[in-house]
Every structure is written in C-alpha cells, then in structure tokens.
Amino acid sequence: MTVTPVRDLKKILPRTYNHRREVLSGISTVLSQHQYLQPVLERFVFNDGTARTLVGLTGTIKVFYEGKRYNIPVSLWLKESYPRTAPICYVKPTPEMVIVTSRHVSSDGEILMPYLDEWRHTQCDLHSLIQVMKAVFSEVPPLRMCLYPEECEYSFLFIPITLHMCRAASLLNPFVCPNFFKATDKQAVDLV
C-alpha cells in the first residue's frame, strides 16, 4: 500500500481517471474532515479478476455506539469513473477482529448501502458517504473483537483468551464491539 500525501496525489493520480479535478477535490474535502484517513494508490482486483491501479482512502472513521467512540477501519476505492460511479467500500478488520455481517456489510467486508446503490454524482460525495457510514455503523457495528482464537483469521498468533482477558482487552482496544459485555455479564458473574 502506497500512502500518498495529498499534495503529491495530483502528480501521481493515473491519467485514466476521467474527472481528475473532482477526484482531488473530493479527497481533499474528506481529508480536511477525517484526520485518520489517508490517500493511497494501489492495485485493486475486481471480482471478475481484472486489476487496476486505483486511488483510495484508507484508515479509520469515528463511530459512536452506545455512548462510546470506536474507530472502524475502512477502505474506500475510487473507480476511474468516479464521481459518476460510487466508490467500492470495505471494512478492514485487524487480525484480532471479525466482521459482523448484516444487510450493510457482506461476509468479505464489502459495505452495502442504499447510498452506494443509488449513487448520483450530482447529489452524492465522499464526505456524505462517510457520514452515512458513521450513522449506520452507530446503530449496527460492522466489526467486533474475536472472543475466541478460532474466530480470528490469524488464530495461530493468539494465546488462549479468558473472559477476564477479553474484558481487559476491550477496555484498551477501540475496535471492540460492546455487545460482548451484554452477552457475557451473566457468564462473568457465574465464573466468579
């Protein structure tokens, strides 16, 4: 992944982008509002196997769930026809996280929202898309912490996790979905 300062993006943005000025403007607007997102230029492989070098934004967006702030890792990829077409968006779990599938997030992490399906370039933009994501993810978080090593993609890297370790980790890790506490508070009392 090549993280690119926005000032350099104009120089390296592929000429295949049809609306370069609008792409740069949209990215600049987002970066001024969301400090934990960074522009990237990287090879993107589409579902049909074709690959293109695309510009994107990667990092975290702040989401408030039940009064607590969580940082949700995302990647937003701009096709060469952007802003005429919607970005391709994914949540990007860290190794100790799992995707919570819902009507808004597929099992591979792709973000599925009416805002993307009904994209109109004169009415939709990256900043508004992120606001919609924040609102939706505030209701239904797209990720949660692995409760058991076998849940994690890289489970061989983890030591066995006890309930108390999960509680401690969830207090330190901003990516943890607080639903863990709802399901396990009674279990915690039973174990003590």
Protein backbone atom coordinates (compact mmCIF):
# COMPACT_ATOMS: atom_id res chain seq x y z
CA MET A 1 0.00 0.00 0.00
CA THR A 2 1.42 3.33 -1.02
CA VAL A 3 0.29 6.13 1.28
CA THR A 4 0.44 9.37 -0.61
CA PRO A 5 0.41 12.93 0.73
CA VAL A 6 -2.48 14.81 -0.86
CA ARG A 7 -0.09 17.39 -2.35
CA ASP A 8 1.59 14.59 -4.34
CA LEU A 9 -1.64 12.92 -5.36
CA LYS A 10 -2.19 15.32 -8.27
CA LYS A 11 1.15 14.27 -9.77
CA ILE A 12 0.66 10.52 -9.42
CA LEU A 13 -3.10 10.21 -9.99
CA PRO A 14 -3.37 7.93 -13.04
CA ARG A 15 -4.37 9.68 -16.25
CA THR A 16 -7.08 7.04 -16.65
CA TYR A 17 -9.27 8.98 -14.20
CA ASN A 18 -11.91 10.80 -16.23
CA HIS A 19 -12.60 13.55 -13.68
CA ARG A 20 -9.27 14.22 -12.00
CA ARG A 21 -10.17 17.63 -10.58
CA GLU A 22 -13.32 16.26 -8.90
CA VAL A 23 -11.40 13.26 -7.53
CA LEU A 24 -8.76 15.51 -5.98
CA SER A 25 -11.38 17.91 -4.61
CA GLY A 26 -13.39 15.08 -3.02
CA ILE A 27 -10.33 13.55 -1.40
CA SER A 28 -9.13 16.93 -0.09
CA THR A 29 -12.54 17.63 1.44
CA VAL A 30 -12.60 14.26 3.20
CA LEU A 31 -9.04 14.60 4.49
CA SER A 32 -9.83 18.01 5.96
CA GLN A 33 -12.71 16.47 7.95
CA HIS A 34 -11.37 12.98 8.78
CA GLN A 35 -7.82 13.04 10.12
CA TYR A 36 -7.44 9.26 10.33
CA LEU A 37 -7.98 8.60 6.63
CA GLN A 38 -5.08 8.68 4.17
CA PRO A 39 -4.98 8.64 0.37
CA VAL A 40 -3.47 5.53 -1.19
CA LEU A 41 -2.63 4.45 -4.70
CA GLU A 42 -2.75 0.70 -5.07
CA ARG A 43 -3.59 -2.16 -7.37
CA PHE A 44 -7.24 -3.20 -6.86
CA VAL A 45 -8.51 -6.58 -8.04
CA PHE A 46 -12.16 -6.60 -9.05
CA ASN A 47 -14.49 -9.59 -8.55
CA ASP A 48 -14.07 -10.58 -12.22
CA GLY A 49 -10.28 -10.88 -11.72
CA THR A 50 -9.28 -7.71 -13.56
CA ALA A 51 -6.88 -5.41 -11.78
CA ARG A 52 -6.43 -1.64 -11.99
CA THR A 53 -4.36 0.90 -10.11
CA LEU A 54 -6.91 2.91 -8.15
CA VAL A 55 -6.77 5.77 -5.73
CA GLY A 56 -8.47 5.24 -2.42
CA LEU A 57 -8.81 6.34 1.15
CA THR A 58 -7.85 4.02 3.96
CA GLY A 59 -7.80 4.40 7.73
CA THR A 60 -10.46 4.71 10.38
CA ILE A 61 -13.71 6.57 10.83
CA LYS A 62 -15.01 7.53 14.27
CA VAL A 63 -18.28 5.90 15.24
CA PHE A 64 -20.21 6.37 18.46
CA TYR A 65 -22.04 3.29 19.69
CA GLU A 66 -23.94 3.34 22.96
CA GLY A 67 -22.11 6.47 24.03
CA LYS A 68 -18.60 5.18 23.36
CA ARG A 69 -16.27 6.05 20.48
CA TYR A 70 -14.94 3.30 18.23
CA ASN A 71 -12.56 3.57 15.27
CA ILE A 72 -13.80 1.49 12.36
CA PRO A 73 -11.09 0.62 9.80
CA VAL A 74 -12.29 1.17 6.23
CA SER A 75 -11.04 1.38 2.66
CA LEU A 76 -12.84 3.41 0.01
CA TRP A 77 -11.74 2.77 -3.58
CA LEU A 78 -12.50 5.26 -6.33
CA LYS A 79 -13.06 3.76 -9.76
CA GLU A 80 -11.70 5.68 -12.73
CA SER A 81 -15.22 6.92 -13.49
CA TYR A 82 -15.64 8.47 -10.01
CA PRO A 83 -17.64 10.65 -9.19
CA ARG A 84 -20.02 9.35 -11.87
CA THR A 85 -19.92 5.94 -10.15
CA ALA A 86 -19.97 5.07 -6.47
CA PRO A 87 -16.81 4.08 -4.60
CA ILE A 88 -16.17 0.46 -3.69
CA CYS A 89 -16.08 0.33 0.11
CA TYR A 90 -14.89 -2.23 2.64
CA VAL A 91 -14.47 -2.52 6.38
CA LYS A 92 -10.94 -3.78 7.03
CA PRO A 93 -10.74 -5.74 10.27
CA THR A 94 -7.43 -6.05 12.07
CA PRO A 95 -6.28 -9.64 12.81
CA GLU A 96 -7.96 -9.61 16.22
CA MET A 97 -11.33 -8.57 14.77
CA VAL A 98 -14.13 -10.31 12.91
CA ILE A 99 -16.70 -8.93 10.51
CA VAL A 100 -20.27 -8.79 11.73
CA THR A 101 -22.34 -9.48 8.63
CA SER A 102 -25.57 -7.54 8.23
CA ARG A 103 -27.62 -6.06 5.46
CA HIS A 104 -24.96 -3.33 5.30
CA VAL A 105 -21.79 -5.46 5.40
CA SER A 106 -21.11 -8.68 3.48
CA SER A 107 -19.04 -11.57 4.85
CA ASP A 108 -15.98 -10.32 2.94
CA GLY A 109 -16.35 -6.84 4.45
CA GLU A 110 -17.89 -5.07 1.47
CA ILE A 111 -20.09 -2.19 2.58
CA LEU A 112 -23.56 -2.44 1.05
CA MET A 113 -25.76 0.61 1.50
CA PRO A 114 -28.62 2.20 -0.44
CA TYR A 115 -26.49 5.38 -0.61
CA LEU A 116 -23.98 3.46 -2.75
CA ASP A 117 -26.64 1.65 -4.80
CA GLU A 118 -28.46 4.87 -5.58
CA TRP A 119 -25.32 6.98 -6.16
CA ARG A 120 -25.96 10.17 -8.14
CA HIS A 121 -22.82 12.16 -8.83
CA THR A 122 -24.59 15.49 -8.54
CA GLN A 123 -26.08 14.59 -5.14
CA CYS A 124 -23.55 12.20 -3.59
CA ASP A 125 -19.94 12.65 -2.49
CA LEU A 126 -17.27 11.02 -0.33
CA HIS A 127 -17.87 13.22 2.69
CA SER A 128 -21.61 12.46 2.72
CA LEU A 129 -20.89 8.76 2.18
CA ILE A 130 -18.72 8.71 5.30
CA GLN A 131 -21.45 10.48 7.27
CA VAL A 132 -23.93 7.79 6.18
CA MET A 133 -21.46 5.04 7.18
CA LYS A 134 -21.00 6.62 10.59
CA ALA A 135 -24.76 6.80 11.13
CA VAL A 136 -25.36 3.20 10.04
CA PHE A 137 -22.39 1.78 11.96
CA SER A 138 -23.53 3.66 15.07
CA GLU A 139 -26.67 1.52 15.00
CA VAL A 140 -25.10 -1.78 13.91
CA PRO A 141 -21.30 -2.00 14.36
CA PRO A 142 -19.69 -3.84 11.41
CA LEU A 143 -16.85 -5.38 13.44
CA ARG A 144 -16.21 -6.90 16.82
CA MET A 145 -13.25 -8.28 18.70
CA CYS A 146 -12.52 -12.01 18.41
CA LEU A 147 -13.80 -13.65 21.56
CA TYR A 148 -12.09 -16.96 20.86
CA PRO A 149 -8.84 -17.62 18.97
CA GLU A 150 -10.52 -19.89 16.42
CA GLU A 151 -12.72 -16.96 15.32
CA CYS A 152 -9.70 -14.98 14.20
CA GLU A 153 -8.20 -15.29 10.75
CA TYR A 154 -4.75 -15.46 12.29
CA SER A 155 -5.68 -17.53 15.33
CA PHE A 156 -2.25 -19.22 15.46
CA LEU A 157 -0.84 -15.88 16.64
CA PHE A 158 -3.02 -15.71 19.74
CA ILE A 159 -2.72 -17.22 23.17
CA PRO A 160 -5.87 -18.68 24.73
CA ILE A 161 -8.22 -15.88 25.76
CA THR A 162 -10.10 -15.93 29.03
CA LEU A 163 -13.17 -13.89 29.83
CA HIS A 164 -11.12 -11.56 32.02
CA MET A 165 -8.56 -11.04 29.22
CA CYS A 166 -11.39 -10.16 26.83
CA ARG A 167 -12.75 -7.62 29.29
CA ALA A 168 -9.31 -6.07 29.76
CA ALA A 169 -8.63 -6.01 26.03
CA SER A 170 -11.99 -4.45 25.26
CA LEU A 171 -11.24 -1.58 27.62
CA LEU A 172 -7.97 -0.88 25.80
CA ASN A 173 -8.96 -1.67 22.21
CA PRO A 174 -11.11 0.99 20.49
CA PHE A 175 -12.29 -1.54 17.88
CA VAL A 176 -14.19 -3.76 20.29
CA CYS A 177 -17.92 -4.05 19.86
CA PRO A 178 -19.54 -3.53 23.25
CA ASN A 179 -22.09 -6.29 22.57
CA PHE A 180 -19.51 -8.58 24.18
CA PHE A 181 -20.48 -7.25 27.61
CA LYS A 182 -24.21 -7.74 27.08
CA ALA A 183 -23.79 -11.38 26.20
CA THR A 184 -21.24 -12.22 28.89
CA ASP A 185 -22.01 -10.22 32.04
CA LYS A 186 -24.05 -13.08 33.48
CA GLN A 187 -21.35 -15.55 32.46
CA ALA A 188 -18.77 -13.39 34.23
CA VAL A 189 -20.80 -13.47 37.46
CA ASP A 190 -21.18 -17.23 37.12
CA LEU A 191 -17.41 -17.66 36.76
CA VAL A 192 -16.50 -15.60 39.81
